[in-house]
Each structure stands twice: as structure tokens, then as C-alpha cells.
Amino acid sequence: MIKRLILLKAALLLTACSTALPTANTPQNISQPVNVSYSSLAAQAHSDSSMQIAYGPGPLQFGRLYLPARHADHITDQIDAKTMLPLLIFVHGGCWLNTYDLTHATAFAQAMAAQGIAVWSVEYRRVGDEGGGWPGSLQDVKQAVSFAFNNLNGYPLDKNRVAIAGHSAGGQLALLAAANTKQVPAKAVLGLAAITDLTLYSAGSNGCQRATAGFIGGDATQFPGRYKLASPQGQPLVANTLLLHGSSDTIVPLSQATQSGIAYKVVEGAGHFDWLHPHTAAFATVLQQLQEQFAK
């Protein structure tokens, strides 16, 4: 695979919120934080204006649809093609644990929507929930992706411009779900600080790494087959899959990208949560990748 390392400085462009997709060369006067903490991410001011829509019968089988403010009341079966929006299907992370839900990705989703990209933010059963873990969590995400393509109707969504992305443990699920999607091909599949090799990852000592055995149902010596199936590395992923990783990530090591055999880009200085923080270079990189793919 082609591996690219991009050094992005703190002055990297972050497009200001507007009613249309900005260009990648729009000048900015925003001070961009680097290697933000989870608490800094959680403190991002936002009001959740999304619509909650069930994709399955379970209480955790739902997604939240974020639309730009100018489209929020444009929900009808009679949609003008000129107002159609690209769609990002997003899977949140959180070590596969039900301690963390999709609310920590709200600022990310709203910032994307403000840039003219609709977001379908997926909730799913996690470890601690009945049916959560492997393979239930992946089954939910696959069902949510299928629902977005086939049943998320009556909204100004261009189903020919769909991208799938996930962060951390959600990146692992998003990469696998996209690879199993037989519907309209996604324009892009992005793994943001994604876990790609669960066997290697589970050998680490941080809290998220230790949670891997709970997700799989045992350690790698007990269930090597499960670990292999649950690892995007070595799986037949779609051709337009790209990993985005921060050089300062201490939760998911950079080697999960660089040793994956999957195309990747690195944002220098970025930490684990930068991807979800609307004012970081990492967020700007995600936005740029989506803009470029949706423009094709």
C-alpha cells in the first residue's frame, strides 16, 4: 500500500463555519489546540439539534442525524436535487465500553454539519450492554450503515456522496462495516486513530488496550480466530480506505497505522482526541479529505 506522511503545522487551515462547503485555501484566524484532552473535548460548547432515528428495535440501535441549520426544516419527500447534501456515517469510539456513548462526538458532528456535510452519528451496543461486544457491536454498526443507504429517506441526502468514518474503537468497527457494505460504494472510508490490529493492541497496558479482551470475550491466546476477524489489518478493505493518525496519540499507538499495511496520513503533534475537536489541525484534515472525495 502507498504510505504517506504529511507534516501539518498548527497554522493548517481550518475552514470557518459557513453555509457551504469551504475551500481548502480559505485563510483562518483560529488558534488551533494540539493534543487536546478528553475533558477539553467534552467541554466544547454545543447544543444537540439532531434528530434521533432508530435503525433497529433495540434501545441502543439508533443514530442521530445532523443537518446544516438551513436544511433542518427541509424534511420532505419532494427534495430539490440542488439542495442535496453529502453524508458522513460516523461511528464513535470509547474502548468498546458502554461508559462512553455518542455524546462526546456531538461537537464533531455539529461542526461537520455547519460545513454542509450531513452526519449520521451511530449508537450501538457496547461491552456492558446486552448483546454488545464481539460480534454484536459490529452487527449493529453494519445494520446502521445499511439503514443509512436504504432507509434514511425523506431528507436532503445525496446517497451517491457517502463517506464512512470512525474514531478509535469506532474506527475499527467502521473499517470492517464499510468492507462488508454491498450498497452504493462509499466515496471515502476514514479510520481516525483507528485500532487495526487487536492482537497487538491487546498486548498493551493502557485502559483501552486492557478493554480489548472484554470486547472479544477473552485474550488473544484463547480466541486467535476472533482477534484476526476483528482486526481490519489483513482484511479485504475497500480501496478508498485511509487511516488518519496523530503522532502524539498515547491511547492508540501510531504503529496501528504505520504497520497496518493500509494507506495512512499522520498529523504531527496531534493526540487521540484531536480528530473530534472542531478547532484542531486534525479536524481540518478530516474535513479536507471529505471535501476532496465528495468533489470527485
Protein backbone atom coordinates (compact mmCIF):
# COMPACT_ATOMS: atom_id res chain seq x y z
CA MET A 1 0.00 0.00 0.00
CA ILE A 2 1.09 3.58 -0.53
CA LYS A 3 2.05 5.16 2.78
CA ARG A 4 2.20 8.92 3.07
CA LEU A 5 3.41 11.04 5.92
CA ILE A 6 2.11 14.58 5.92
CA LEU A 7 3.56 17.10 8.35
CA LEU A 8 0.84 19.55 9.29
CA LYS A 9 1.73 22.67 11.24
CA ALA A 10 -0.57 24.39 13.70
CA ALA A 11 -1.33 27.01 11.07
CA LEU A 12 -3.01 24.40 8.89
CA LEU A 13 -6.22 25.69 7.56
CA LEU A 14 -9.48 25.19 9.43
CA THR A 15 -12.42 26.44 7.44
CA ALA A 16 -14.81 28.70 9.29
CA CYS A 17 -18.40 27.53 9.72
CA SER A 18 -20.48 28.68 6.78
CA THR A 19 -23.50 27.65 4.79
CA ALA A 20 -21.48 25.98 2.06
CA LEU A 21 -18.52 23.68 1.81
CA PRO A 22 -15.45 25.89 2.17
CA THR A 23 -12.38 25.64 0.02
CA ALA A 24 -9.15 24.18 1.36
CA ASN A 25 -7.34 27.51 0.87
CA THR A 26 -9.65 29.73 2.93
CA PRO A 27 -7.46 31.81 5.29
CA GLN A 28 -8.19 31.42 9.00
CA ASN A 29 -7.53 33.33 12.21
CA ILE A 30 -8.29 30.44 14.55
CA SER A 31 -5.78 29.38 17.21
CA GLN A 32 -5.60 25.62 16.90
CA PRO A 33 -5.02 23.49 20.00
CA VAL A 34 -2.84 20.40 19.72
CA ASN A 35 -3.11 17.08 21.57
CA VAL A 36 -6.34 18.03 23.30
CA SER A 37 -7.61 16.13 26.33
CA TYR A 38 -10.89 14.27 26.63
CA SER A 39 -12.09 16.87 29.13
CA SER A 40 -11.27 19.65 26.65
CA LEU A 41 -13.28 17.82 24.01
CA ALA A 42 -16.21 17.28 26.37
CA ALA A 43 -16.17 20.98 27.28
CA GLN A 44 -16.81 22.08 23.70
CA ALA A 45 -19.96 24.17 23.73
CA HIS A 46 -22.76 22.65 21.70
CA SER A 47 -26.49 22.19 21.69
CA ASP A 48 -27.71 18.91 20.26
CA SER A 49 -30.10 19.81 17.44
CA SER A 50 -30.02 16.36 15.86
CA MET A 51 -32.89 14.03 15.05
CA GLN A 52 -32.78 10.62 16.72
CA ILE A 53 -33.82 7.83 14.36
CA ALA A 54 -33.96 4.10 15.15
CA TYR A 55 -32.25 1.68 12.78
CA GLY A 56 -33.23 -1.39 14.81
CA PRO A 57 -35.61 -2.49 17.57
CA GLY A 58 -33.13 -2.27 20.47
CA PRO A 59 -32.89 0.80 22.73
CA LEU A 60 -29.29 1.42 21.62
CA GLN A 61 -29.90 0.80 17.92
CA PHE A 62 -30.33 4.37 16.82
CA GLY A 63 -28.47 7.17 15.12
CA ARG A 64 -28.61 10.94 15.32
CA LEU A 65 -28.89 12.86 12.07
CA TYR A 66 -27.23 16.27 11.96
CA LEU A 67 -28.15 18.67 9.15
CA PRO A 68 -26.96 22.23 8.47
CA ALA A 69 -29.28 24.77 10.08
CA ARG A 70 -30.61 25.91 6.73
CA HIS A 71 -31.72 22.33 5.98
CA ALA A 72 -33.13 21.44 9.39
CA ASP A 73 -36.72 22.05 8.33
CA HIS A 74 -36.23 20.65 4.81
CA ILE A 75 -37.60 17.18 5.52
CA THR A 76 -39.86 16.09 2.73
CA ASP A 77 -40.21 13.51 0.02
CA GLN A 78 -40.10 16.35 -2.53
CA ILE A 79 -36.44 17.36 -2.37
CA ASP A 80 -34.72 19.68 -4.82
CA ALA A 81 -31.61 17.97 -6.18
CA LYS A 82 -29.71 21.25 -5.79
CA THR A 83 -30.06 21.10 -2.01
CA MET A 84 -28.81 17.53 -1.62
CA LEU A 85 -26.08 17.08 0.97
CA PRO A 86 -23.14 14.68 1.17
CA LEU A 87 -23.47 12.29 4.10
CA LEU A 88 -20.90 11.16 6.65
CA ILE A 89 -21.76 7.97 8.57
CA PHE A 90 -19.80 8.27 11.82
CA VAL A 91 -19.05 5.65 14.49
CA HIS A 92 -17.85 6.95 17.87
CA GLY A 93 -15.19 5.23 19.97
CA GLY A 94 -14.70 4.68 23.67
CA CYS A 95 -12.80 1.40 24.07
CA TRP A 96 -15.94 -0.50 23.05
CA LEU A 97 -17.31 0.23 26.55
CA ASN A 98 -20.82 1.43 27.35
CA THR A 99 -19.22 4.00 29.66
CA TYR A 100 -18.79 6.15 26.54
CA ASP A 101 -21.66 6.95 24.21
CA LEU A 102 -22.04 9.11 21.13
CA THR A 103 -22.46 12.37 23.04
CA HIS A 104 -18.71 13.03 23.12
CA ALA A 105 -18.80 13.28 19.31
CA THR A 106 -21.58 15.88 19.25
CA ALA A 107 -19.29 18.87 18.68
CA PHE A 108 -17.61 17.00 15.81
CA ALA A 109 -20.93 16.16 14.16
CA GLN A 110 -22.33 19.67 14.51
CA ALA A 111 -19.15 21.24 13.17
CA MET A 112 -19.29 18.98 10.12
CA ALA A 113 -22.95 19.82 9.59
CA ALA A 114 -22.12 23.51 9.79
CA GLN A 115 -19.72 22.93 6.88
CA GLY A 116 -22.50 21.47 4.73
CA ILE A 117 -21.93 17.77 5.45
CA ALA A 118 -24.82 15.85 6.95
CA VAL A 119 -23.76 13.43 9.70
CA TRP A 120 -25.42 10.15 10.71
CA SER A 121 -23.83 9.53 14.13
CA VAL A 122 -24.35 5.90 15.10
CA GLU A 123 -25.01 4.48 18.54
CA TYR A 124 -24.56 0.76 19.08
CA ARG A 125 -24.42 -1.89 21.80
CA ARG A 126 -21.10 -1.96 23.61
CA VAL A 127 -19.42 -4.04 26.30
CA GLY A 128 -21.71 -3.84 29.30
CA ASP A 129 -24.85 -3.84 27.15
CA GLU A 130 -26.81 -7.00 26.42
CA GLY A 131 -25.55 -8.28 23.07
CA GLY A 132 -22.64 -5.82 22.99
CA GLY A 133 -19.03 -6.76 22.32
CA TRP A 134 -17.91 -9.08 19.55
CA PRO A 135 -19.66 -9.58 17.19
CA GLY A 136 -22.79 -7.71 18.35
CA SER A 137 -21.23 -4.24 18.20
CA LEU A 138 -20.11 -4.79 14.60
CA GLN A 139 -23.51 -6.22 13.66
CA ASP A 140 -25.17 -3.06 14.93
CA VAL A 141 -22.82 -0.79 13.00
CA LYS A 142 -23.32 -2.79 9.81
CA GLN A 143 -27.08 -2.54 10.29
CA ALA A 144 -26.81 1.22 10.83
CA VAL A 145 -24.75 1.64 7.65
CA SER A 146 -27.26 -0.39 5.65
CA PHE A 147 -30.10 1.67 7.13
CA ALA A 148 -28.43 4.91 6.07
CA PHE A 149 -28.14 3.75 2.47
CA ASN A 150 -31.56 2.14 2.20
CA ASN A 151 -33.92 3.68 4.73
CA LEU A 152 -32.71 7.14 5.68
CA ASN A 153 -35.14 8.75 3.26
CA GLY A 154 -37.11 11.97 3.25
CA TYR A 155 -34.02 14.03 3.98
CA PRO A 156 -31.83 16.07 1.58
CA LEU A 157 -29.12 13.40 1.41
CA ASP A 158 -27.13 12.55 -1.71
CA LYS A 159 -26.68 8.78 -1.43
CA ASN A 160 -24.05 8.95 -4.18
CA ARG A 161 -21.83 11.03 -1.91
CA VAL A 162 -21.49 9.00 1.28
CA ALA A 163 -18.41 8.54 3.44
CA ILE A 164 -17.93 6.24 6.43
CA ALA A 165 -15.64 7.14 9.33
CA GLY A 166 -15.00 6.05 12.87
CA HIS A 167 -12.79 7.09 15.76
CA SER A 168 -10.58 4.77 17.83
CA ALA A 169 -12.58 1.60 18.63
CA GLY A 170 -15.29 3.06 16.41
CA GLY A 171 -12.69 3.26 13.66
CA GLN A 172 -12.14 -0.49 13.90
CA LEU A 173 -15.89 -1.06 13.59
CA ALA A 174 -16.30 1.47 10.77
CA LEU A 175 -13.49 -0.05 8.69
CA LEU A 176 -14.96 -3.54 8.99
CA ALA A 177 -18.54 -2.38 8.39
CA ALA A 178 -17.51 -0.47 5.26
CA ALA A 179 -15.70 -3.53 3.92
CA ASN A 180 -18.89 -5.52 4.25
CA THR A 181 -21.14 -2.92 2.66
CA LYS A 182 -22.63 -4.09 -0.64
CA GLN A 183 -24.69 -0.96 -1.21
CA VAL A 184 -23.58 2.18 -3.06
CA PRO A 185 -19.80 2.37 -2.62
CA ALA A 186 -18.64 4.95 -0.11
CA LYS A 187 -16.68 7.87 -1.51
CA ALA A 188 -14.24 7.53 1.37
CA VAL A 189 -13.64 5.33 4.41
CA LEU A 190 -11.64 7.02 7.16
CA GLY A 191 -10.20 5.48 10.30
CA LEU A 192 -9.43 8.24 12.80
CA ALA A 193 -6.89 6.94 15.32
CA ALA A 194 -8.36 3.56 14.43
CA ILE A 195 -7.43 0.28 16.09
CA THR A 196 -6.39 -2.02 13.26
CA ASP A 197 -4.55 -4.95 14.92
CA LEU A 198 -6.41 -6.16 18.01
CA THR A 199 -3.84 -8.83 18.89
CA LEU A 200 -1.01 -6.31 19.05
CA TYR A 201 -3.23 -3.69 20.66
CA SER A 202 -4.40 -6.01 23.43
CA ALA A 203 -0.79 -6.63 24.46
CA GLY A 204 -0.52 -3.03 25.69
CA SER A 205 -1.17 -1.81 29.19
CA ASN A 206 -3.37 1.29 28.97
CA GLY A 207 -7.04 1.10 29.93
CA CYS A 208 -8.34 0.89 26.39
CA GLN A 209 -5.85 -1.80 25.45
CA ARG A 210 -6.86 -3.83 28.50
CA ALA A 211 -10.51 -3.49 27.45
CA THR A 212 -9.85 -5.44 24.24
CA ALA A 213 -10.25 -8.83 25.93
CA GLY A 214 -13.65 -7.79 27.28
CA PHE A 215 -14.73 -6.79 23.79
CA ILE A 216 -13.61 -10.06 22.20
CA GLY A 217 -14.63 -12.29 25.11
CA GLY A 218 -11.14 -13.45 26.07
CA ASP A 219 -7.49 -12.88 25.30
CA ALA A 220 -5.62 -13.50 22.06
CA THR A 221 -4.32 -16.88 23.16
CA GLN A 222 -7.86 -18.08 23.83
CA PHE A 223 -9.50 -16.74 20.68
CA PRO A 224 -6.89 -16.06 17.98
CA GLY A 225 -9.51 -16.51 15.26
CA ARG A 226 -11.77 -13.85 16.73
CA TYR A 227 -8.89 -11.41 17.05
CA LYS A 228 -7.98 -11.94 13.41
CA LEU A 229 -11.55 -11.45 12.19
CA ALA A 230 -11.98 -8.35 14.33
CA SER A 231 -8.78 -6.72 13.06
CA PRO A 232 -9.10 -4.54 9.95
CA GLN A 233 -5.43 -5.21 9.24
CA GLY A 234 -5.28 -8.12 6.83
CA GLN A 235 -8.96 -7.89 5.91
CA PRO A 236 -10.08 -7.12 2.32
CA LEU A 237 -10.93 -3.46 2.95
CA VAL A 238 -12.35 -1.20 0.26
CA ALA A 239 -9.78 0.52 -1.93
CA ASN A 240 -10.55 4.07 -0.76
CA THR A 241 -9.77 3.35 2.91
CA LEU A 242 -7.43 5.82 4.63
CA LEU A 243 -6.12 5.93 8.19
CA LEU A 244 -5.55 9.31 9.86
CA HIS A 245 -3.39 9.25 12.98
CA GLY A 246 -1.71 11.70 15.34
CA SER A 247 1.97 11.39 16.14
CA SER A 248 1.28 12.14 19.82
CA ASP A 249 -1.51 9.61 20.34
CA THR A 250 -0.89 7.75 23.62
CA ILE A 251 -4.12 5.71 23.57
CA VAL A 252 -3.83 4.11 20.14
CA PRO A 253 -0.14 3.88 19.17
CA LEU A 254 0.91 5.30 15.82
CA SER A 255 2.07 1.80 14.83
CA GLN A 256 -1.59 0.84 14.47
CA ALA A 257 -1.45 2.96 11.30
CA THR A 258 2.13 2.68 10.15
CA GLN A 259 2.35 -1.11 10.48
CA SER A 260 -1.17 -1.83 9.23
CA GLY A 261 -0.49 -2.19 5.52
CA ILE A 262 -3.30 0.34 4.98
CA ALA A 263 -2.77 3.78 3.42
CA TYR A 264 -2.30 6.40 6.14
CA LYS A 265 -1.53 10.04 6.89
CA VAL A 266 -0.05 11.42 10.09
CA VAL A 267 -0.76 14.79 11.68
CA GLU A 268 2.33 15.87 13.62
CA GLY A 269 1.65 16.67 17.26
CA ALA A 270 -1.96 15.54 17.18
CA GLY A 271 -3.25 13.39 20.01
CA HIS A 272 -6.05 10.88 20.29
CA PHE A 273 -8.98 13.28 20.65
CA ASP A 274 -7.87 15.99 18.22
CA TRP A 275 -9.92 14.39 15.45
CA LEU A 276 -13.17 15.22 17.23
CA HIS A 277 -12.26 18.75 18.34
CA PRO A 278 -13.57 21.27 15.77
CA HIS A 279 -10.66 23.71 16.17
CA THR A 280 -7.70 21.42 15.55
CA ALA A 281 -5.49 20.70 12.57
CA ALA A 282 -6.61 17.08 12.79
CA PHE A 283 -10.26 18.06 12.35
CA ALA A 284 -9.28 20.26 9.40
CA THR A 285 -7.55 17.26 7.84
CA VAL A 286 -10.70 15.15 8.12
CA LEU A 287 -12.77 17.93 6.62
CA GLN A 288 -10.34 18.37 3.73
CA GLN A 289 -10.29 14.66 2.98
CA LEU A 290 -14.09 14.58 2.86
CA GLN A 291 -14.30 17.69 0.69
CA GLU A 292 -11.84 16.26 -1.80
CA GLN A 293 -13.65 12.93 -2.04
CA PHE A 294 -17.13 14.43 -2.25
CA ALA A 295 -15.96 16.73 -5.06
CA LYS A 296 -14.99 13.79 -7.27
